[in-house]
Amino acid sequence: MPQAKRTGLAGSRKNNKYTPQFKLDRALEALRTDNIAEIARKYDLNANLLYLWRDQLAERGAQVFETTPDQIAGELKNKVARLEQMLGKKEVELSLLKNFSDFYSSRSTP
């Protein structure tokens, strides 16, 4: 049995992320065969999800499954913000360790 192509955590049934190409292929297959239940069983998908993808494809075409540059830019900005926050914490930790090190080294010197 073919498995669904997912991005993200393996084995997780909740919040699966399917590749745009996988969604397009399944939506096209649903349009061609018109047997949603069989396709859902074949790829271990929820039939409602296939109906949704099929309808979105019919309404807006292939671009519906692609990410926009604005989405990518937003995700990258969030990642940069998290990394800057982590860097700030590490700088504080390093400063504290340096202060402790200086304090104890000055105490041990006669």
PDB file of N, CA and C in Angstrom:
ATOM      1  N   MET A   1       0.841  -1.178   0.000  1.00  0.00           N
ATOM      2  CA  MET A   1       0.000   0.000   0.000  1.00  0.00           C
ATOM      3  C   MET A   1       0.886   1.242   0.000  1.00  0.00           C
ATOM      4  N   PRO A   2       0.693   2.197  -0.926  1.00  0.00           N
ATOM      5  CA  PRO A   2       1.489   3.423  -0.953  1.00  0.00           C
ATOM      6  C   PRO A   2       1.218   4.262   0.280  1.00  0.00           C
ATOM      7  N   GLN A   3       2.251   4.871   0.784  1.00  0.00           N
ATOM      8  CA  GLN A   3       2.113   5.717   1.966  1.00  0.00           C
ATOM      9  C   GLN A   3       2.053   7.182   1.549  1.00  0.00           C
ATOM     10  N   ALA A   4       1.372   7.982   2.337  1.00  0.00           N
ATOM     11  CA  ALA A   4       1.268   9.411   2.087  1.00  0.00           C
ATOM     12  C   ALA A   4       2.605  10.076   2.334  1.00  0.00           C
ATOM     13  N   LYS A   5       2.955  11.008   1.478  1.00  0.00           N
ATOM     14  CA  LYS A   5       4.201  11.758   1.663  1.00  0.00           C
ATOM     15  C   LYS A   5       3.917  12.916   2.595  1.00  0.00           C
ATOM     16  N   ARG A   6       4.511  12.839   3.773  1.00  0.00           N
ATOM     17  CA  ARG A   6       4.288  13.863   4.793  1.00  0.00           C
ATOM     18  C   ARG A   6       5.591  14.552   5.126  1.00  0.00           C
ATOM     19  N   THR A   7       5.468  15.790   5.508  1.00  0.00           N
ATOM     20  CA  THR A   7       6.610  16.490   6.076  1.00  0.00           C
ATOM     21  C   THR A   7       6.289  16.681   7.536  1.00  0.00           C
ATOM     22  N   GLY A   8       7.285  16.619   8.386  1.00  0.00           N
ATOM     23  CA  GLY A   8       7.029  16.778   9.810  1.00  0.00           C
ATOM     24  C   GLY A   8       7.285  15.483  10.545  1.00  0.00           C
ATOM     25  N   LEU A   9       6.621  15.297  11.672  1.00  0.00           N
ATOM     26  CA  LEU A   9       6.848  14.149  12.532  1.00  0.00           C
ATOM     27  C   LEU A   9       6.291  12.887  11.910  1.00  0.00           C
ATOM     28  N   ALA A  10       7.082  11.828  11.923  1.00  0.00           N
ATOM     29  CA  ALA A  10       6.631  10.547  11.402  1.00  0.00           C
ATOM     30  C   ALA A  10       5.680   9.900  12.396  1.00  0.00           C
ATOM     31  N   GLY A  11       4.633   9.292  11.905  1.00  0.00           N
ATOM     32  CA  GLY A  11       3.701   8.591  12.760  1.00  0.00           C
ATOM     33  C   GLY A  11       2.663   9.479  13.427  1.00  0.00           C
ATOM     34  N   SER A  12       2.752  10.751  13.275  1.00  0.00           N
ATOM     35  CA  SER A  12       1.797  11.668  13.887  1.00  0.00           C
ATOM     36  C   SER A  12       0.576  11.798  12.976  1.00  0.00           C
ATOM     37  N   ARG A  13      -0.619  11.511  13.497  1.00  0.00           N
ATOM     38  CA  ARG A  13      -1.835  11.606  12.701  1.00  0.00           C
ATOM     39  C   ARG A  13      -2.425  13.009  12.783  1.00  0.00           C
ATOM     40  N   LYS A  14      -2.015  13.778  13.746  1.00  0.00           N
ATOM     41  CA  LYS A  14      -2.576  15.104  13.943  1.00  0.00           C
ATOM     42  C   LYS A  14      -1.684  16.145  13.266  1.00  0.00           C
ATOM     43  N   ASN A  15      -2.302  17.095  12.584  1.00  0.00           N
ATOM     44  CA  ASN A  15      -1.583  18.191  11.936  1.00  0.00           C
ATOM     45  C   ASN A  15      -0.531  17.702  10.952  1.00  0.00           C
ATOM     46  N   ASN A  16      -0.910  16.726  10.124  1.00  0.00           N
ATOM     47  CA  ASN A  16       0.021  16.265   9.101  1.00  0.00           C
ATOM     48  C   ASN A  16       0.254  17.366   8.094  1.00  0.00           C
ATOM     49  N   LYS A  17       1.460  17.452   7.631  1.00  0.00           N
ATOM     50  CA  LYS A  17       1.813  18.401   6.590  1.00  0.00           C
ATOM     51  C   LYS A  17       2.158  17.596   5.353  1.00  0.00           C
ATOM     52  N   TYR A  18       1.343  17.715   4.333  1.00  0.00           N
ATOM     53  CA  TYR A  18       1.574  16.993   3.096  1.00  0.00           C
ATOM     54  C   TYR A  18       2.226  17.940   2.092  1.00  0.00           C
ATOM     55  N   THR A  19       3.073  17.393   1.252  1.00  0.00           N
ATOM     56  CA  THR A  19       3.757  18.222   0.261  1.00  0.00           C
ATOM     57  C   THR A  19       2.734  18.733  -0.751  1.00  0.00           C
ATOM     58  N   PRO A  20       2.997  19.894  -1.336  1.00  0.00           N
ATOM     59  CA  PRO A  20       2.073  20.421  -2.353  1.00  0.00           C
ATOM     60  C   PRO A  20       1.875  19.443  -3.520  1.00  0.00           C
ATOM     61  N   GLN A  21       2.934  18.779  -3.910  1.00  0.00           N
ATOM     62  CA  GLN A  21       2.825  17.839  -5.022  1.00  0.00           C
ATOM     63  C   GLN A  21       1.931  16.653  -4.654  1.00  0.00           C
ATOM     64  N   PHE A  22       2.050  16.165  -3.426  1.00  0.00           N
ATOM     65  CA  PHE A  22       1.212  15.061  -2.969  1.00  0.00           C
ATOM     66  C   PHE A  22      -0.261  15.476  -2.982  1.00  0.00           C
ATOM     67  N   LYS A  23      -0.546  16.689  -2.477  1.00  0.00           N
ATOM     68  CA  LYS A  23      -1.923  17.174  -2.454  1.00  0.00           C
ATOM     69  C   LYS A  23      -2.482  17.288  -3.872  1.00  0.00           C
ATOM     70  N   LEU A  24      -1.675  17.838  -4.762  1.00  0.00           N
ATOM     71  CA  LEU A  24      -2.109  18.000  -6.144  1.00  0.00           C
ATOM     72  C   LEU A  24      -2.387  16.646  -6.780  1.00  0.00           C
ATOM     73  N   ASP A  25      -1.497  15.689  -6.592  1.00  0.00           N
ATOM     74  CA  ASP A  25      -1.679  14.358  -7.170  1.00  0.00           C
ATOM     75  C   ASP A  25      -2.946  13.690  -6.652  1.00  0.00           C
ATOM     76  N   ARG A  26      -3.196  13.783  -5.339  1.00  0.00           N
ATOM     77  CA  ARG A  26      -4.384  13.145  -4.774  1.00  0.00           C
ATOM     78  C   ARG A  26      -5.657  13.862  -5.225  1.00  0.00           C
ATOM     79  N   ALA A  27      -5.609  15.185  -5.315  1.00  0.00           N
ATOM     80  CA  ALA A  27      -6.780  15.934  -5.769  1.00  0.00           C
ATOM     81  C   ALA A  27      -7.099  15.601  -7.225  1.00  0.00           C
ATOM     82  N   LEU A  28      -6.071  15.496  -8.054  1.00  0.00           N
ATOM     83  CA  LEU A  28      -6.288  15.118  -9.455  1.00  0.00           C
ATOM     84  C   LEU A  28      -6.839  13.703  -9.560  1.00  0.00           C
ATOM     85  N   GLU A  29      -6.304  12.811  -8.751  1.00  0.00           N
ATOM     86  CA  GLU A  29      -6.792  11.438  -8.738  1.00  0.00           C
ATOM     87  C   GLU A  29      -8.264  11.402  -8.310  1.00  0.00           C
ATOM     88  N   ALA A  30      -8.617  12.232  -7.345  1.00  0.00           N
ATOM     89  CA  ALA A  30     -10.003  12.295  -6.890  1.00  0.00           C
ATOM     90  C   ALA A  30     -10.917  12.828  -7.992  1.00  0.00           C
ATOM     91  N   LEU A  31     -10.438  13.788  -8.758  1.00  0.00           N
ATOM     92  CA  LEU A  31     -11.230  14.314  -9.869  1.00  0.00           C
ATOM     93  C   LEU A  31     -11.403  13.269 -10.970  1.00  0.00           C
ATOM     94  N   ARG A  32     -10.355  12.526 -11.247  1.00  0.00           N
ATOM     95  CA  ARG A  32     -10.384  11.537 -12.327  1.00  0.00           C
ATOM     96  C   ARG A  32     -11.278  10.345 -11.998  1.00  0.00           C
ATOM     97  N   THR A  33     -11.094   9.768 -10.805  1.00  0.00           N
ATOM     98  CA  THR A  33     -11.782   8.518 -10.496  1.00  0.00           C
ATOM     99  C   THR A  33     -13.132   8.736  -9.830  1.00  0.00           C
ATOM    100  N   ASP A  34     -13.297   9.833  -9.128  1.00  0.00           N
ATOM    101  CA  ASP A  34     -14.517  10.152  -8.410  1.00  0.00           C
ATOM    102  C   ASP A  34     -14.889   9.073  -7.388  1.00  0.00           C
ATOM    103  N   ASN A  35     -13.873   8.376  -6.860  1.00  0.00           N
ATOM    104  CA  ASN A  35     -14.084   7.395  -5.800  1.00  0.00           C
ATOM    105  C   ASN A  35     -13.194   7.787  -4.621  1.00  0.00           C
ATOM    106  N   ILE A  36     -13.655   8.751  -3.874  1.00  0.00           N
ATOM    107  CA  ILE A  36     -12.889   9.334  -2.774  1.00  0.00           C
ATOM    108  C   ILE A  36     -12.565   8.304  -1.700  1.00  0.00           C
ATOM    109  N   ALA A  37     -13.522   7.473  -1.354  1.00  0.00           N
ATOM    110  CA  ALA A  37     -13.318   6.500  -0.271  1.00  0.00           C
ATOM    111  C   ALA A  37     -12.169   5.542  -0.607  1.00  0.00           C
ATOM    112  N   GLU A  38     -12.106   5.092  -1.839  1.00  0.00           N
ATOM    113  CA  GLU A  38     -11.041   4.165  -2.246  1.00  0.00           C
ATOM    114  C   GLU A  38      -9.667   4.836  -2.181  1.00  0.00           C
ATOM    115  N   ILE A  39      -9.587   6.070  -2.635  1.00  0.00           N
ATOM    116  CA  ILE A  39      -8.316   6.810  -2.596  1.00  0.00           C
ATOM    117  C   ILE A  39      -7.899   7.058  -1.146  1.00  0.00           C
ATOM    118  N   ALA A  40      -8.867   7.398  -0.302  1.00  0.00           N
ATOM    119  CA  ALA A  40      -8.574   7.651   1.107  1.00  0.00           C
ATOM    120  C   ALA A  40      -7.998   6.400   1.768  1.00  0.00           C
ATOM    121  N   ARG A  41      -8.583   5.249   1.495  1.00  0.00           N
ATOM    122  CA  ARG A  41      -8.058   3.994   2.051  1.00  0.00           C
ATOM    123  C   ARG A  41      -6.677   3.680   1.486  1.00  0.00           C
ATOM    124  N   LYS A  42      -6.507   3.902   0.206  1.00  0.00           N
ATOM    125  CA  LYS A  42      -5.248   3.582  -0.464  1.00  0.00           C
ATOM    126  C   LYS A  42      -4.073   4.360   0.130  1.00  0.00           C
ATOM    127  N   TYR A  43      -4.295   5.625   0.476  1.00  0.00           N
ATOM    128  CA  TYR A  43      -3.215   6.482   0.978  1.00  0.00           C
ATOM    129  C   TYR A  43      -3.340   6.785   2.475  1.00  0.00           C
ATOM    130  N   ASP A  44      -4.256   6.124   3.157  1.00  0.00           N
ATOM    131  CA  ASP A  44      -4.458   6.314   4.595  1.00  0.00           C
ATOM    132  C   ASP A  44      -4.746   7.784   4.914  1.00  0.00           C
ATOM    133  N   LEU A  45      -5.714   8.342   4.202  1.00  0.00           N
ATOM    134  CA  LEU A  45      -6.125   9.730   4.381  1.00  0.00           C
ATOM    135  C   LEU A  45      -7.584   9.775   4.806  1.00  0.00           C
ATOM    136  N   ASN A  46      -7.982  10.907   5.349  1.00  0.00           N
ATOM    137  CA  ASN A  46      -9.371  11.146   5.669  1.00  0.00           C
ATOM    138  C   ASN A  46     -10.090  11.555   4.379  1.00  0.00           C
ATOM    139  N   ALA A  47     -11.231  10.980   4.128  1.00  0.00           N
ATOM    140  CA  ALA A  47     -11.981  11.285   2.906  1.00  0.00           C
ATOM    141  C   ALA A  47     -12.357  12.762   2.838  1.00  0.00           C
ATOM    142  N   ASN A  48     -12.680  13.361   3.991  1.00  0.00           N
ATOM    143  CA  ASN A  48     -13.026  14.787   3.992  1.00  0.00           C
ATOM    144  C   ASN A  48     -11.868  15.650   3.522  1.00  0.00           C
ATOM    145  N   LEU A  49     -10.654  15.231   3.847  1.00  0.00           N
ATOM    146  CA  LEU A  49      -9.470  15.962   3.399  1.00  0.00           C
ATOM    147  C   LEU A  49      -9.356  15.895   1.877  1.00  0.00           C
ATOM    148  N   LEU A  50      -9.621  14.741   1.311  1.00  0.00           N
ATOM    149  CA  LEU A  50      -9.577  14.608  -0.144  1.00  0.00           C
ATOM    150  C   LEU A  50     -10.650  15.460  -0.821  1.00  0.00           C
ATOM    151  N   TYR A  51     -11.849  15.495  -0.228  1.00  0.00           N
ATOM    152  CA  TYR A  51     -12.903  16.357  -0.768  1.00  0.00           C
ATOM    153  C   TYR A  51     -12.460  17.823  -0.746  1.00  0.00           C
ATOM    154  N   LEU A  52     -11.838  18.210   0.359  1.00  0.00           N
ATOM    155  CA  LEU A  52     -11.362  19.584   0.498  1.00  0.00           C
ATOM    156  C   LEU A  52     -10.330  19.912  -0.573  1.00  0.00           C
ATOM    157  N   TRP A  53      -9.321  19.041  -0.734  1.00  0.00           N
ATOM    158  CA  TRP A  53      -8.274  19.269  -1.740  1.00  0.00           C
ATOM    159  C   TRP A  53      -8.866  19.301  -3.144  1.00  0.00           C
ATOM    160  N   ARG A  54      -9.802  18.393  -3.419  1.00  0.00           N
ATOM    161  CA  ARG A  54     -10.428  18.349  -4.751  1.00  0.00           C
ATOM    162  C   ARG A  54     -11.172  19.648  -5.032  1.00  0.00           C
ATOM    163  N   ASP A  55     -11.944  20.108  -4.047  1.00  0.00           N
ATOM    164  CA  ASP A  55     -12.712  21.342  -4.231  1.00  0.00           C
ATOM    165  C   ASP A  55     -11.802  22.553  -4.383  1.00  0.00           C
ATOM    166  N   GLN A  56     -10.726  22.591  -3.592  1.00  0.00           N
ATOM    167  CA  GLN A  56      -9.779  23.710  -3.702  1.00  0.00           C
ATOM    168  C   GLN A  56      -9.105  23.709  -5.062  1.00  0.00           C
ATOM    169  N   LEU A  57      -8.769  22.554  -5.557  1.00  0.00           N
ATOM    170  CA  LEU A  57      -8.152  22.453  -6.882  1.00  0.00           C
ATOM    171  C   LEU A  57      -9.121  22.929  -7.948  1.00  0.00           C
ATOM    172  N   ALA A  58     -10.359  22.517  -7.831  1.00  0.00           N
ATOM    173  CA  ALA A  58     -11.362  22.927  -8.812  1.00  0.00           C
ATOM    174  C   ALA A  58     -11.574  24.441  -8.783  1.00  0.00           C
ATOM    175  N   GLU A  59     -11.528  25.029  -7.598  1.00  0.00           N
ATOM    176  CA  GLU A  59     -11.763  26.475  -7.474  1.00  0.00           C
ATOM    177  C   GLU A  59     -10.567  27.319  -7.878  1.00  0.00           C
ATOM    178  N   ARG A  60      -9.384  26.959  -7.390  1.00  0.00           N
ATOM    179  CA  ARG A  60      -8.234  27.853  -7.554  1.00  0.00           C
ATOM    180  C   ARG A  60      -7.038  27.254  -8.266  1.00  0.00           C
ATOM    181  N   GLY A  61      -7.041  26.000  -8.563  1.00  0.00           N
ATOM    182  CA  GLY A  61      -5.929  25.406  -9.296  1.00  0.00           C
ATOM    183  C   GLY A  61      -4.750  25.055  -8.408  1.00  0.00           C
ATOM    184  N   ALA A  62      -3.626  24.768  -9.022  1.00  0.00           N
ATOM    185  CA  ALA A  62      -2.447  24.238  -8.324  1.00  0.00           C
ATOM    186  C   ALA A  62      -1.823  25.217  -7.336  1.00  0.00           C
ATOM    187  N   GLN A  63      -1.953  26.526  -7.553  1.00  0.00           N
ATOM    188  CA  GLN A  63      -1.302  27.476  -6.646  1.00  0.00           C
ATOM    189  C   GLN A  63      -1.862  27.415  -5.241  1.00  0.00           C
ATOM    190  N   VAL A  64      -3.017  26.779  -5.062  1.00  0.00           N
ATOM    191  CA  VAL A  64      -3.624  26.666  -3.742  1.00  0.00           C
ATOM    192  C   VAL A  64      -2.746  25.871  -2.781  1.00  0.00           C
ATOM    193  N   PHE A  65      -1.944  24.961  -3.301  1.00  0.00           N
ATOM    194  CA  PHE A  65      -1.146  24.101  -2.451  1.00  0.00           C
ATOM    195  C   PHE A  65       0.291  24.595  -2.280  1.00  0.00           C
ATOM    196  N   GLU A  66       0.637  25.700  -2.845  1.00  0.00           N
ATOM    197  CA  GLU A  66       1.988  26.219  -2.757  1.00  0.00           C
ATOM    198  C   GLU A  66       2.069  27.290  -1.676  1.00  0.00           C
ATOM    199  N   THR A  67       3.240  27.407  -1.082  1.00  0.00           N
ATOM    200  CA  THR A  67       3.437  28.455  -0.086  1.00  0.00           C
ATOM    201  C   THR A  67       3.804  29.749  -0.797  1.00  0.00           C
ATOM    202  N   THR A  68       3.380  30.851  -0.234  1.00  0.00           N
ATOM    203  CA  THR A  68       3.676  32.144  -0.835  1.00  0.00           C
ATOM    204  C   THR A  68       4.967  32.690  -0.239  1.00  0.00           C
ATOM    205  N   PRO A  69       5.629  33.580  -0.968  1.00  0.00           N
ATOM    206  CA  PRO A  69       6.842  34.196  -0.415  1.00  0.00           C
ATOM    207  C   PRO A  69       6.590  34.917   0.910  1.00  0.00           C
ATOM    208  N   ASP A  70       5.383  35.487   1.080  1.00  0.00           N
ATOM    209  CA  ASP A  70       5.055  36.173   2.335  1.00  0.00           C
ATOM    210  C   ASP A  70       5.013  35.192   3.503  1.00  0.00           C
ATOM    211  N   GLN A  71       4.486  33.984   3.274  1.00  0.00           N
ATOM    212  CA  GLN A  71       4.450  32.974   4.327  1.00  0.00           C
ATOM    213  C   GLN A  71       5.860  32.562   4.712  1.00  0.00           C
ATOM    214  N   ILE A  72       6.698  32.356   3.715  1.00  0.00           N
ATOM    215  CA  ILE A  72       8.076  31.944   3.965  1.00  0.00           C
ATOM    216  C   ILE A  72       8.821  33.044   4.713  1.00  0.00           C
ATOM    217  N   ALA A  73       8.625  34.294   4.286  1.00  0.00           N
ATOM    218  CA  ALA A  73       9.286  35.421   4.953  1.00  0.00           C
ATOM    219  C   ALA A  73       8.830  35.532   6.403  1.00  0.00           C
ATOM    220  N   GLY A  74       7.556  35.345   6.665  1.00  0.00           N
ATOM    221  CA  GLY A  74       7.040  35.402   8.028  1.00  0.00           C
ATOM    222  C   GLY A  74       7.627  34.311   8.904  1.00  0.00           C
ATOM    223  N   GLU A  75       7.723  33.100   8.352  1.00  0.00           N
ATOM    224  CA  GLU A  75       8.306  31.995   9.110  1.00  0.00           C
ATOM    225  C   GLU A  75       9.775  32.270   9.421  1.00  0.00           C
ATOM    226  N   LEU A  76      10.497  32.823   8.450  1.00  0.00           N
ATOM    227  CA  LEU A  76      11.912  33.131   8.668  1.00  0.00           C
ATOM    228  C   LEU A  76      12.090  34.243   9.703  1.00  0.00           C
ATOM    229  N   LYS A  77      11.218  35.237   9.685  1.00  0.00           N
ATOM    230  CA  LYS A  77      11.293  36.307  10.684  1.00  0.00           C
ATOM    231  C   LYS A  77      11.064  35.754  12.091  1.00  0.00           C
ATOM    232  N   ASN A  78      10.094  34.857  12.217  1.00  0.00           N
ATOM    233  CA  ASN A  78       9.845  34.239  13.527  1.00  0.00           C
ATOM    234  C   ASN A  78      11.046  33.432  13.985  1.00  0.00           C
ATOM    235  N   LYS A  79      11.663  32.724  13.064  1.00  0.00           N
ATOM    236  CA  LYS A  79      12.833  31.920  13.408  1.00  0.00           C
ATOM    237  C   LYS A  79      13.994  32.806  13.844  1.00  0.00           C
ATOM    238  N   VAL A  80      14.206  33.909  13.129  1.00  0.00           N
ATOM    239  CA  VAL A  80      15.272  34.849  13.482  1.00  0.00           C
ATOM    240  C   VAL A  80      15.021  35.430  14.869  1.00  0.00           C
ATOM    241  N   ALA A  81      13.773  35.780  15.156  1.00  0.00           N
ATOM    242  CA  ALA A  81      13.438  36.342  16.474  1.00  0.00           C
ATOM    243  C   ALA A  81      13.737  35.334  17.586  1.00  0.00           C
ATOM    244  N   ARG A  82      13.362  34.060  17.360  1.00  0.00           N
ATOM    245  CA  ARG A  82      13.650  33.027  18.368  1.00  0.00           C
ATOM    246  C   ARG A  82      15.151  32.848  18.556  1.00  0.00           C
ATOM    247  N   LEU A  83      15.898  32.846  17.461  1.00  0.00           N
ATOM    248  CA  LEU A  83      17.347  32.673  17.552  1.00  0.00           C
ATOM    249  C   LEU A  83      18.013  33.858  18.248  1.00  0.00           C
ATOM    250  N   GLU A  84      17.537  35.075  17.981  1.00  0.00           N
ATOM    251  CA  GLU A  84      18.076  36.254  18.655  1.00  0.00           C
ATOM    252  C   GLU A  84      17.801  36.187  20.157  1.00  0.00           C
ATOM    253  N   GLN A  85      16.621  35.715  20.517  1.00  0.00           N
ATOM    254  CA  GLN A  85      16.279  35.574  21.928  1.00  0.00           C
ATOM    255  C   GLN A  85      17.194  34.545  22.591  1.00  0.00           C
ATOM    256  N   MET A  86      17.429  33.429  21.916  1.00  0.00           N
ATOM    257  CA  MET A  86      18.320  32.404  22.460  1.00  0.00           C
ATOM    258  C   MET A  86      19.741  32.942  22.600  1.00  0.00           C
ATOM    259  N   LEU A  87      20.190  33.707  21.616  1.00  0.00           N
ATOM    260  CA  LEU A  87      21.525  34.287  21.661  1.00  0.00           C
ATOM    261  C   LEU A  87      21.660  35.246  22.838  1.00  0.00           C
ATOM    262  N   GLY A  88      20.636  36.052  23.071  1.00  0.00           N
ATOM    263  CA  GLY A  88      20.651  36.974  24.212  1.00  0.00           C
ATOM    264  C   GLY A  88      20.768  36.234  25.533  1.00  0.00           C
ATOM    265  N   LYS A  89      20.028  35.130  25.665  1.00  0.00           N
ATOM    266  CA  LYS A  89      20.108  34.332  26.890  1.00  0.00           C
ATOM    267  C   LYS A  89      21.507  33.755  27.074  1.00  0.00           C
ATOM    268  N   LYS A  90      22.092  33.283  26.002  1.00  0.00           N
ATOM    269  CA  LYS A  90      23.438  32.700  26.086  1.00  0.00           C
ATOM    270  C   LYS A  90      24.466  33.766  26.453  1.00  0.00           C
ATOM    271  N   GLU A  91      24.299  34.974  25.953  1.00  0.00           N
ATOM    272  CA  GLU A  91      25.216  36.057  26.306  1.00  0.00           C
ATOM    273  C   GLU A  91      25.128  36.376  27.792  1.00  0.00           C
ATOM    274  N   VAL A  92      23.920  36.377  28.339  1.00  0.00           N
ATOM    275  CA  VAL A  92      23.733  36.626  29.773  1.00  0.00           C
ATOM    276  C   VAL A  92      24.387  35.515  30.582  1.00  0.00           C
ATOM    277  N   GLU A  93      24.160  34.264  30.166  1.00  0.00           N
ATOM    278  CA  GLU A  93      24.769  33.133  30.867  1.00  0.00           C
ATOM    279  C   GLU A  93      26.289  33.218  30.839  1.00  0.00           C
ATOM    280  N   LEU A  94      26.845  33.554  29.690  1.00  0.00           N
ATOM    281  CA  LEU A  94      28.294  33.669  29.555  1.00  0.00           C
ATOM    282  C   LEU A  94      28.839  34.779  30.439  1.00  0.00           C
ATOM    283  N   SER A  95      28.132  35.890  30.491  1.00  0.00           N
ATOM    284  CA  SER A  95      28.556  36.998  31.333  1.00  0.00           C
ATOM    285  C   SER A  95      28.538  36.596  32.815  1.00  0.00           C
ATOM    286  N   LEU A  96      27.504  35.905  33.242  1.00  0.00           N
ATOM    287  CA  LEU A  96      27.427  35.448  34.632  1.00  0.00           C
ATOM    288  C   LEU A  96      28.562  34.484  34.963  1.00  0.00           C
ATOM    289  N   LEU A  97      28.820  33.548  34.066  1.00  0.00           N
ATOM    290  CA  LEU A  97      29.906  32.592  34.292  1.00  0.00           C
ATOM    291  C   LEU A  97      31.252  33.299  34.372  1.00  0.00           C
ATOM    292  N   LYS A  98      31.433  34.301  33.528  1.00  0.00           N
ATOM    293  CA  LYS A  98      32.692  35.062  33.561  1.00  0.00           C
ATOM    294  C   LYS A  98      32.827  35.809  34.887  1.00  0.00           C
ATOM    295  N   ASN A  99      31.743  36.402  35.350  1.00  0.00           N
ATOM    296  CA  ASN A  99      31.771  37.108  36.633  1.00  0.00           C
ATOM    297  C   ASN A  99      32.068  36.161  37.788  1.00  0.00           C
ATOM    298  N   PHE A 100      31.427  34.996  37.808  1.00  0.00           N
ATOM    299  CA  PHE A 100      31.697  34.005  38.850  1.00  0.00           C
ATOM    300  C   PHE A 100      33.143  33.539  38.793  1.00  0.00           C
ATOM    301  N   SER A 101      33.632  33.323  37.583  1.00  0.00           N
ATOM    302  CA  SER A 101      35.002  32.865  37.416  1.00  0.00           C
ATOM    303  C   SER A 101      35.991  33.914  37.934  1.00  0.00           C
ATOM    304  N   ASP A 102      35.755  35.176  37.590  1.00  0.00           N
ATOM    305  CA  ASP A 102      36.618  36.257  38.064  1.00  0.00           C
ATOM    306  C   ASP A 102      36.554  36.375  39.592  1.00  0.00           C
ATOM    307  N   PHE A 103      35.361  36.248  40.141  1.00  0.00           N
ATOM    308  CA  PHE A 103      35.180  36.359  41.589  1.00  0.00           C
ATOM    309  C   PHE A 103      35.952  35.260  42.320  1.00  0.00           C
ATOM    310  N   TYR A 104      35.804  34.013  41.883  1.00  0.00           N
ATOM    311  CA  TYR A 104      36.469  32.914  42.570  1.00  0.00           C
ATOM    312  C   TYR A 104      37.970  32.890  42.320  1.00  0.00           C
ATOM    313  N   SER A 105      38.388  33.335  41.153  1.00  0.00           N
ATOM    314  CA  SER A 105      39.836  33.372  40.898  1.00  0.00           C
ATOM    315  C   SER A 105      40.512  34.464  41.739  1.00  0.00           C
ATOM    316  N   SER A 106      39.806  35.571  42.008  1.00  0.00           N
ATOM    317  CA  SER A 106      40.375  36.646  42.840  1.00  0.00           C
ATOM    318  C   SER A 106      40.394  36.227  44.320  1.00  0.00           C
ATOM    319  N   ARG A 107      39.497  35.393  44.760  1.00  0.00           N
ATOM    320  CA  ARG A 107      39.462  34.929  46.144  1.00  0.00           C
ATOM    321  C   ARG A 107      40.576  33.932  46.427  1.00  0.00           C
ATOM    322  N   SER A 108      40.903  33.132  45.436  1.00  0.00           N
ATOM    323  CA  SER A 108      41.914  32.102  45.671  1.00  0.00           C
ATOM    324  C   SER A 108      43.346  32.648  45.555  1.00  0.00           C
ATOM    325  N   THR A 109      43.481  33.813  44.979  1.00  0.00           N
ATOM    326  CA  THR A 109      44.812  34.432  44.860  1.00  0.00           C
ATOM    327  C   THR A 109      45.114  35.197  46.147  1.00  0.00           C
ATOM    328  N   PRO A 110      46.278  34.921  46.799  1.00  0.00           N
ATOM    329  CA  PRO A 110      46.597  35.623  48.052  1.00  0.00           C
ATOM    330  C   PRO A 110      46.986  37.058  47.867  1.00  0.00           C
TER     331      PRO A 110
END
